[in-house]
Amino acid sequence: MYSFFLKIHLAYYKSRVFNRFMNQTRSYLAKWHEGLRSNDEGFLDEILDESCIFTSPIVFKPIKGKEMSKLYLMGAGQTFDMHRFKYVKELVDGFNTVLEFETYIDDISVNGVDIIRWNDQGKIVDFKVMIRPLQAIAALQQKMSEALEALK
């Protein structure tokens, strides 16, 4: 009987701790959404951790560091049609977030996901982007190269 009550107590405690992390993550995510709406790229300085790793769908190796991650995110902002960019689904699990988005590159419809991992200070430590269809990847590669050259 004692083990039954112990299991209930542990399940209750785990759900409270887990929900606390999810609530923290949702507040971090709210800052991400506010930053995107502001059109001020300066918010990236506040939200990216110095050790951030950015994984791009068009670069073979992950990109390490805050400054390079910021550069690629700014390039994506210039590549995607941000007037038609919208998140359509949002999943939060602990300090992990998956955001499904839809947008355009020129006349090519793009569907993708941002997979974000946060630290307990509300900073992004890992940002991975995946997109489809194949035509969007080709267009992204061309436009992103142009955007990165312009940002240098």
Protein backbone atom coordinates (compact mmCIF):
# COMPACT_ATOMS: atom_id res chain seq x y z
CA MET A 1 0.00 0.00 0.00
CA TYR A 2 2.89 2.34 0.83
CA SER A 3 4.40 1.88 -2.65
CA PHE A 4 1.07 2.78 -4.26
CA PHE A 5 0.98 6.16 -2.45
CA LEU A 6 4.65 6.70 -3.21
CA LYS A 7 4.01 6.16 -6.92
CA ILE A 8 1.10 8.62 -6.88
CA HIS A 9 3.18 11.19 -5.03
CA LEU A 10 6.11 10.78 -7.45
CA ALA A 11 3.82 11.05 -10.48
CA TYR A 12 2.31 14.24 -9.06
CA TYR A 13 5.74 15.71 -8.32
CA LYS A 14 7.11 14.81 -11.79
CA SER A 15 4.12 16.41 -13.51
CA ARG A 16 4.55 19.62 -11.48
CA VAL A 17 8.27 19.84 -12.28
CA PHE A 18 7.66 19.03 -15.94
CA ASN A 19 4.86 21.63 -16.18
CA ARG A 20 7.14 24.25 -14.59
CA PHE A 21 9.73 23.65 -17.34
CA MET A 22 7.04 23.81 -20.01
CA ASN A 23 5.71 27.09 -18.60
CA GLN A 24 9.24 28.54 -18.56
CA THR A 25 9.77 27.40 -22.14
CA ARG A 26 6.47 28.96 -23.21
CA SER A 27 7.62 32.30 -21.75
CA TYR A 28 10.94 31.99 -23.64
CA LEU A 29 9.01 31.16 -26.79
CA ALA A 30 6.81 34.23 -26.32
CA LYS A 31 9.99 36.35 -26.46
CA TRP A 32 10.93 34.62 -29.73
CA HIS A 33 7.52 35.45 -31.25
CA GLU A 34 7.69 39.06 -29.99
CA GLY A 35 11.15 39.45 -31.51
CA LEU A 36 10.00 38.16 -34.89
CA ARG A 37 7.01 40.51 -34.89
CA SER A 38 9.21 43.48 -33.96
CA ASN A 39 11.33 43.18 -37.14
CA ASP A 40 14.28 44.19 -34.95
CA GLU A 41 17.13 41.74 -35.44
CA GLY A 42 18.67 43.03 -32.20
CA PHE A 43 16.44 40.66 -30.24
CA LEU A 44 18.71 37.83 -31.42
CA ASP A 45 21.52 39.25 -29.26
CA GLU A 46 19.29 38.79 -26.22
CA ILE A 47 17.85 35.38 -27.03
CA LEU A 48 20.83 33.43 -28.47
CA ASP A 49 23.30 31.82 -26.08
CA GLU A 50 27.02 32.36 -26.78
CA SER A 51 27.37 28.60 -27.39
CA CYS A 52 24.38 28.38 -29.76
CA ILE A 53 24.57 25.76 -32.50
CA PHE A 54 22.62 26.46 -35.69
CA THR A 55 21.86 23.60 -38.08
CA SER A 56 20.84 24.75 -41.55
CA PRO A 57 19.12 22.62 -44.19
CA ILE A 58 21.69 23.85 -46.74
CA VAL A 59 24.95 23.56 -44.79
CA PHE A 60 26.52 20.16 -44.11
CA LYS A 61 28.03 20.93 -40.70
CA PRO A 62 26.31 22.64 -37.76
CA ILE A 63 27.26 26.30 -37.35
CA LYS A 64 28.72 27.09 -33.94
CA GLY A 65 28.52 30.30 -31.94
CA LYS A 66 26.13 33.14 -31.35
CA GLU A 67 27.43 35.49 -34.05
CA MET A 68 27.32 32.90 -36.84
CA SER A 69 23.91 31.63 -35.71
CA LYS A 70 22.64 35.21 -35.74
CA LEU A 71 24.05 35.77 -39.23
CA TYR A 72 22.23 32.70 -40.60
CA LEU A 73 18.96 33.61 -38.89
CA MET A 74 19.19 37.14 -40.31
CA GLY A 75 19.91 35.65 -43.74
CA ALA A 76 16.83 33.45 -43.45
CA GLY A 77 14.79 36.54 -42.55
CA GLN A 78 15.89 38.14 -45.81
CA THR A 79 15.37 34.94 -47.82
CA PHE A 80 11.88 33.99 -46.66
CA ASP A 81 8.86 36.15 -47.46
CA MET A 82 8.37 37.34 -43.87
CA HIS A 83 5.05 39.03 -44.75
CA ARG A 84 3.64 35.57 -45.46
CA PHE A 85 5.67 33.71 -42.82
CA LYS A 86 3.52 32.11 -40.14
CA TYR A 87 3.87 29.42 -37.53
CA VAL A 88 1.05 26.90 -37.89
CA LYS A 89 1.88 24.40 -35.12
CA GLU A 90 3.75 24.58 -31.85
CA LEU A 91 4.94 21.74 -29.61
CA VAL A 92 6.69 22.23 -26.27
CA ASP A 93 8.36 19.44 -24.31
CA GLY A 94 10.51 20.55 -21.38
CA PHE A 95 13.12 22.94 -22.77
CA ASN A 96 12.47 21.78 -26.36
CA THR A 97 10.22 23.43 -28.91
CA VAL A 98 9.16 22.44 -32.41
CA LEU A 99 7.55 25.16 -34.52
CA GLU A 100 6.07 24.26 -37.90
CA PHE A 101 6.01 27.17 -40.33
CA GLU A 102 4.73 28.08 -43.78
CA THR A 103 6.09 30.83 -46.02
CA TYR A 104 7.32 31.51 -49.55
CA ILE A 105 10.60 32.06 -51.33
CA ASP A 106 9.54 34.03 -54.40
CA ASP A 107 6.62 31.92 -55.72
CA ILE A 108 7.72 28.64 -54.11
CA SER A 109 5.65 27.49 -51.15
CA VAL A 110 7.83 26.45 -48.21
CA ASN A 111 6.86 24.21 -45.30
CA GLY A 112 9.34 23.67 -42.50
CA VAL A 113 10.10 23.29 -38.84
CA ASP A 114 12.28 25.15 -36.37
CA ILE A 115 13.53 22.82 -33.64
CA ILE A 116 14.73 24.90 -30.71
CA ARG A 117 16.38 23.86 -27.45
CA TRP A 118 16.55 26.42 -24.63
CA ASN A 119 18.69 26.59 -21.52
CA ASP A 120 17.25 27.45 -18.11
CA GLN A 121 18.15 31.14 -18.60
CA GLY A 122 15.83 31.40 -21.61
CA LYS A 123 18.60 31.43 -24.21
CA ILE A 124 18.59 29.35 -27.39
CA VAL A 125 21.40 26.79 -27.30
CA ASP A 126 20.39 24.77 -30.36
CA PHE A 127 18.40 25.86 -33.42
CA LYS A 128 17.74 23.43 -36.27
CA VAL A 129 15.78 24.22 -39.42
CA MET A 130 14.27 21.64 -41.76
CA ILE A 131 12.28 22.55 -44.88
CA ARG A 132 10.46 20.96 -47.77
CA PRO A 133 9.85 20.53 -50.73
CA LEU A 134 13.05 19.99 -52.69
CA GLN A 135 12.40 23.09 -54.85
CA ALA A 136 12.33 25.17 -51.68
CA ILE A 137 15.72 23.83 -50.61
CA ALA A 138 17.24 24.77 -53.98
CA ALA A 139 15.71 28.25 -53.82
CA LEU A 140 16.81 28.65 -50.19
CA GLN A 141 20.39 27.75 -51.08
CA GLN A 142 20.56 30.35 -53.84
CA LYS A 143 18.79 33.16 -51.94
CA MET A 144 20.60 32.44 -48.67
CA SER A 145 23.98 32.71 -50.39
CA GLU A 146 22.97 36.10 -51.75
CA ALA A 147 21.64 37.26 -48.36
CA LEU A 148 24.79 36.14 -46.51
CA GLU A 149 27.02 37.97 -48.99
CA ALA A 150 24.97 41.13 -48.49
CA LEU A 151 25.24 40.83 -44.68
CA LYS A 152 29.06 40.47 -44.66
